[in-house]
Amino acid sequence: MPDPTLALRAEQAGLDASAPPQQADIDGWLIRLSPGKAKRSRCINALRAGSLPLDELLARCRQAYDAAGLPLAVRVTPWSQPVDLDARLAAKGWGAFDAADVMVMESLRPDPAPATLRLLDAAAYAATVGALRGSSPTAIAAHAERIAHAPVRYQGFALDGPDGGLLACGQMVVDGDLVGLYDIVSAAPRQGHGERLCRALLSAAHAQGARQAYLQVGSDNAVAQRLYARLGFVFAYRYHYRSPERELT
């Protein structure tokens, strides 16, 4: 298992990197109200145990999400507060869904001959990845807004083929000596484009001072997990969401 302090650093860095403009604190809980596609930017992160009873705290959060026209959901991590939050939400009948694994790399080694990447600004990147994912115009606009105004700088890139056609795209967030990889999407899956892209991103991050890395991947995405394991990433921890609604889309 990796150093537990690196897992916590990855969690904290991921929170900073995914911060949308629409967020607030309710009694120690960080609520995020972005209309975008990324669930981590439109959910509750239960960072601290406050003074309010759980039912009252959930009711206050419900008001905020109803006002924003968003479903209520809590992201549950190993650090969520109170410590028995997951069990208490389950007892209320809140369903669990979208488990994700955070993987870390303790020692980043750059590729000696990385692929050349094309830098994209926030709007161009959001449009590119949104087109590959079939995202709505609202989700694309929210994605562009979030990465353009994130507290740590996003850098989005495209990997192009010899004919100029898009092969894959992805983002990195360098925060001191730690880099996070985000939104790794291939236009032609299982042809090695995602791996070439990741190796190039890690090399670019190393040149900017990064020495460790993290990323998030679906717990049921065995293909992507094998790719990241080849790159040197190892499992650090798992999180999931709970909601009284149906699964969020």
Protein backbone atom coordinates (compact mmCIF):
# COMPACT_ATOMS: atom_id res chain seq x y z
CA MET A 1 0.00 0.00 0.00
CA PRO A 2 1.22 3.55 -0.67
CA ASP A 3 2.09 6.03 2.03
CA PRO A 4 -1.24 7.06 3.67
CA THR A 5 -0.12 10.67 3.74
CA LEU A 6 0.03 10.62 -0.06
CA ALA A 7 -3.55 9.33 -0.20
CA LEU A 8 -4.72 12.23 1.98
CA ARG A 9 -2.72 14.70 -0.11
CA ALA A 10 -4.37 13.31 -3.23
CA GLU A 11 -7.81 13.77 -1.66
CA GLN A 12 -7.08 17.35 -0.66
CA ALA A 13 -5.52 18.18 -4.04
CA GLY A 14 -8.49 16.63 -5.83
CA LEU A 15 -10.87 18.83 -3.84
CA ASP A 16 -8.90 21.94 -4.77
CA ALA A 17 -8.64 20.96 -8.42
CA SER A 18 -12.37 20.25 -8.79
CA ALA A 19 -13.62 23.40 -7.04
CA PRO A 20 -16.41 25.15 -8.99
CA PRO A 21 -17.35 28.81 -8.49
CA GLN A 22 -20.65 27.65 -6.98
CA GLN A 23 -19.74 26.31 -3.55
CA ALA A 24 -20.36 27.12 0.09
CA ASP A 25 -19.85 25.78 3.61
CA ILE A 26 -22.71 24.52 5.75
CA ASP A 27 -21.60 23.62 9.28
CA GLY A 28 -18.33 22.11 8.11
CA TRP A 29 -19.70 20.44 4.99
CA LEU A 30 -18.50 21.70 1.60
CA ILE A 31 -21.45 21.89 -0.79
CA ARG A 32 -20.84 22.24 -4.51
CA LEU A 33 -23.54 23.33 -6.90
CA SER A 34 -22.08 23.27 -10.41
CA PRO A 35 -24.53 22.34 -13.20
CA GLY A 36 -21.72 20.46 -14.93
CA LYS A 37 -21.31 16.74 -15.55
CA ALA A 38 -18.60 16.00 -12.96
CA LYS A 39 -20.31 14.67 -9.83
CA ARG A 40 -17.44 15.79 -7.60
CA SER A 41 -18.39 19.39 -8.48
CA ARG A 42 -22.10 19.01 -7.67
CA CYS A 43 -22.10 17.08 -4.43
CA ILE A 44 -21.55 17.43 -0.69
CA ASN A 45 -18.08 16.77 0.71
CA ALA A 46 -18.49 16.08 4.43
CA LEU A 47 -15.17 17.51 5.53
CA ARG A 48 -15.80 18.23 9.21
CA ALA A 49 -18.22 17.22 11.95
CA GLY A 50 -20.15 20.37 12.83
CA SER A 51 -22.58 21.16 15.61
CA LEU A 52 -25.87 20.46 13.83
CA PRO A 53 -27.77 17.16 14.12
CA LEU A 54 -27.45 15.14 10.93
CA ASP A 55 -31.11 15.49 9.93
CA GLU A 56 -31.00 19.27 10.27
CA LEU A 57 -27.74 19.47 8.34
CA LEU A 58 -29.18 17.35 5.52
CA ALA A 59 -32.31 19.51 5.47
CA ARG A 60 -30.23 22.66 5.03
CA CYS A 61 -28.26 21.04 2.25
CA ARG A 62 -31.49 19.90 0.60
CA GLN A 63 -32.70 23.50 0.47
CA ALA A 64 -29.52 24.59 -1.28
CA TYR A 65 -29.67 21.79 -3.86
CA ASP A 66 -33.37 22.30 -4.49
CA ALA A 67 -32.76 26.00 -5.07
CA ALA A 68 -30.01 25.14 -7.56
CA GLY A 69 -32.19 22.57 -9.33
CA LEU A 70 -29.73 19.76 -8.56
CA PRO A 71 -30.21 16.34 -6.93
CA LEU A 72 -28.85 15.93 -3.43
CA ALA A 73 -25.81 13.65 -3.13
CA VAL A 74 -23.00 13.10 -0.64
CA ARG A 75 -19.53 11.98 -1.64
CA VAL A 76 -18.36 9.48 0.98
CA THR A 77 -14.62 9.03 1.50
CA PRO A 78 -12.50 7.42 4.23
CA TRP A 79 -12.24 10.89 5.80
CA SER A 80 -15.95 11.85 5.76
CA GLN A 81 -17.38 13.28 8.96
CA PRO A 82 -19.03 12.14 11.11
CA VAL A 83 -17.09 8.88 10.92
CA ASP A 84 -20.28 6.78 10.75
CA LEU A 85 -21.83 8.93 8.00
CA ASP A 86 -21.95 6.15 5.42
CA ALA A 87 -23.79 3.78 7.75
CA ARG A 88 -26.23 6.49 8.85
CA LEU A 89 -27.08 7.44 5.26
CA ALA A 90 -27.49 3.77 4.34
CA ALA A 91 -29.89 3.35 7.29
CA LYS A 92 -31.97 6.19 5.83
CA GLY A 93 -32.26 4.25 2.59
CA TRP A 94 -29.84 6.39 0.61
CA GLY A 95 -28.43 4.30 -2.23
CA ALA A 96 -24.72 4.00 -2.96
CA PHE A 97 -23.43 4.36 -6.52
CA ASP A 98 -20.52 5.38 -8.73
CA ALA A 99 -17.67 3.99 -6.66
CA ALA A 100 -14.30 5.30 -7.80
CA ASP A 101 -10.73 4.36 -6.96
CA VAL A 102 -8.05 6.96 -6.34
CA MET A 103 -4.68 5.71 -7.53
CA VAL A 104 -1.33 7.29 -6.74
CA MET A 105 2.20 7.20 -8.06
CA GLU A 106 4.82 7.66 -5.36
CA SER A 107 7.75 8.36 -7.69
CA LEU A 108 7.12 9.99 -11.06
CA ARG A 109 9.55 8.98 -13.78
CA PRO A 110 9.24 10.91 -17.05
CA ASP A 111 9.12 9.16 -20.41
CA PRO A 112 12.43 9.68 -22.23
CA ALA A 113 10.63 10.34 -25.53
CA PRO A 114 7.08 11.56 -24.80
CA ALA A 115 4.53 12.25 -27.51
CA THR A 116 3.93 15.85 -28.56
CA LEU A 117 0.73 17.34 -27.18
CA ARG A 118 -1.35 20.33 -28.31
CA LEU A 119 -2.30 22.79 -25.57
CA LEU A 120 -5.99 23.76 -25.40
CA ASP A 121 -7.58 26.63 -23.50
CA ALA A 122 -10.47 25.97 -21.11
CA ALA A 123 -13.25 26.54 -23.63
CA ALA A 124 -11.59 24.47 -26.35
CA TYR A 125 -10.81 21.64 -23.96
CA ALA A 126 -14.32 21.51 -22.50
CA ALA A 127 -15.77 21.46 -26.01
CA THR A 128 -13.38 18.72 -27.13
CA VAL A 129 -13.94 16.35 -24.22
CA GLY A 130 -17.65 17.20 -24.17
CA ALA A 131 -18.01 16.17 -27.80
CA LEU A 132 -16.28 12.84 -27.11
CA ARG A 133 -18.57 12.20 -24.13
CA GLY A 134 -21.77 13.48 -25.68
CA SER A 135 -22.19 16.14 -22.99
CA SER A 136 -24.95 18.74 -23.13
CA PRO A 137 -24.17 22.39 -23.95
CA THR A 138 -24.95 23.29 -20.32
CA ALA A 139 -22.49 20.70 -19.01
CA ILE A 140 -19.80 21.83 -21.46
CA ALA A 141 -20.22 25.47 -20.44
CA ALA A 142 -20.07 24.55 -16.74
CA HIS A 143 -16.93 22.47 -17.33
CA ALA A 144 -15.23 25.36 -19.11
CA GLU A 145 -16.21 27.76 -16.33
CA ARG A 146 -14.90 25.45 -13.61
CA ILE A 147 -11.50 24.77 -15.13
CA ALA A 148 -11.02 28.40 -16.18
CA HIS A 149 -11.59 29.60 -12.60
CA ALA A 150 -10.14 26.69 -10.61
CA PRO A 151 -7.90 27.72 -7.68
CA VAL A 152 -5.10 25.63 -9.20
CA ARG A 153 -4.34 25.87 -12.91
CA TYR A 154 -5.73 23.24 -15.24
CA GLN A 155 -3.77 22.44 -18.38
CA GLY A 156 -5.71 20.66 -21.11
CA PHE A 157 -4.08 18.88 -24.04
CA ALA A 158 -4.92 16.98 -27.19
CA LEU A 159 -2.95 14.12 -28.70
CA ASP A 160 -3.23 14.31 -32.48
CA GLY A 161 -2.51 11.72 -35.14
CA PRO A 162 -0.18 12.17 -38.11
CA ASP A 163 -3.12 13.46 -40.14
CA GLY A 164 -4.06 16.00 -37.48
CA GLY A 165 -7.07 14.05 -36.28
CA LEU A 166 -7.78 13.88 -32.55
CA LEU A 167 -6.65 10.64 -30.87
CA ALA A 168 -7.12 11.47 -27.18
CA CYS A 169 -7.35 14.37 -24.76
CA GLY A 170 -6.67 14.88 -21.08
CA GLN A 171 -5.87 17.40 -18.39
CA MET A 172 -3.33 17.78 -15.66
CA VAL A 173 -3.27 19.93 -12.53
CA VAL A 174 0.20 20.55 -11.08
CA ASP A 175 0.03 21.55 -7.43
CA GLY A 176 3.55 21.86 -6.05
CA ASP A 177 5.24 18.49 -6.43
CA LEU A 178 1.94 16.66 -6.97
CA VAL A 179 0.10 16.30 -10.29
CA GLY A 180 -3.43 15.07 -10.87
CA LEU A 181 -4.58 13.63 -14.20
CA TYR A 182 -8.18 14.29 -15.21
CA ASP A 183 -10.62 13.58 -18.04
CA ILE A 184 -8.48 11.09 -19.92
CA VAL A 185 -10.62 10.32 -22.96
CA SER A 186 -9.65 8.46 -26.13
CA ALA A 187 -11.31 9.02 -29.48
CA ALA A 188 -10.42 5.44 -30.45
CA PRO A 189 -10.32 3.28 -27.30
CA ARG A 190 -7.93 0.36 -26.78
CA GLN A 191 -5.41 1.47 -29.36
CA GLY A 192 -2.79 2.80 -26.95
CA HIS A 193 -3.63 6.47 -27.38
CA GLY A 194 -4.62 6.94 -23.75
CA GLU A 195 -1.34 5.49 -22.52
CA ARG A 196 0.72 7.69 -24.84
CA LEU A 197 -1.26 10.71 -23.67
CA CYS A 198 -0.77 9.89 -19.98
CA ARG A 199 2.96 9.32 -20.40
CA ALA A 200 3.28 12.69 -22.14
CA LEU A 201 1.22 14.43 -19.44
CA LEU A 202 3.35 12.94 -16.68
CA SER A 203 6.53 13.98 -18.47
CA ALA A 204 5.23 17.53 -18.87
CA ALA A 205 4.25 17.60 -15.18
CA HIS A 206 7.71 16.37 -14.17
CA ALA A 207 9.25 19.23 -16.14
CA GLN A 208 7.07 21.58 -14.07
CA GLY A 209 8.28 20.13 -10.76
CA ALA A 210 5.84 17.29 -10.08
CA ARG A 211 7.35 14.19 -8.46
CA GLN A 212 4.20 12.31 -7.41
CA ALA A 213 0.84 11.83 -9.09
CA TYR A 214 -2.77 10.83 -8.54
CA LEU A 215 -5.90 10.15 -10.57
CA GLN A 216 -9.44 8.87 -10.15
CA VAL A 217 -10.93 5.93 -12.05
CA GLY A 218 -14.20 4.04 -11.88
CA SER A 219 -13.96 1.04 -9.55
CA ASP A 220 -15.54 -1.12 -12.27
CA ASN A 221 -13.29 0.17 -15.09
CA ALA A 222 -10.80 -2.71 -15.20
CA VAL A 223 -9.38 -1.66 -18.59
CA ALA A 224 -8.41 1.81 -17.38
CA GLN A 225 -7.10 0.44 -14.08
CA ARG A 226 -4.76 -1.90 -15.95
CA LEU A 227 -3.53 1.02 -18.06
CA TYR A 228 -2.78 3.12 -14.99
CA ALA A 229 -1.09 0.19 -13.26
CA ARG A 230 1.26 -0.13 -16.27
CA LEU A 231 2.16 3.50 -15.78
CA GLY A 232 3.05 2.86 -12.13
CA PHE A 233 -0.13 3.91 -10.30
CA VAL A 234 -1.33 1.86 -7.32
CA PHE A 235 -4.63 1.81 -5.43
CA ALA A 236 -4.84 4.31 -2.55
CA TYR A 237 -8.51 4.48 -1.50
CA ARG A 238 -12.10 4.25 -2.73
CA TYR A 239 -15.00 6.67 -2.48
CA HIS A 240 -18.63 6.54 -3.55
CA TYR A 241 -21.76 8.65 -3.58
CA ARG A 242 -25.02 8.30 -1.67
CA SER A 243 -28.29 9.98 -2.52
CA PRO A 244 -31.97 9.70 -1.63
CA GLU A 245 -32.65 10.18 -5.35
CA ARG A 246 -32.06 7.72 -8.12
CA GLU A 247 -28.49 7.45 -9.35
CA LEU A 248 -27.23 10.79 -10.62
CA THR A 249 -26.51 10.93 -14.35
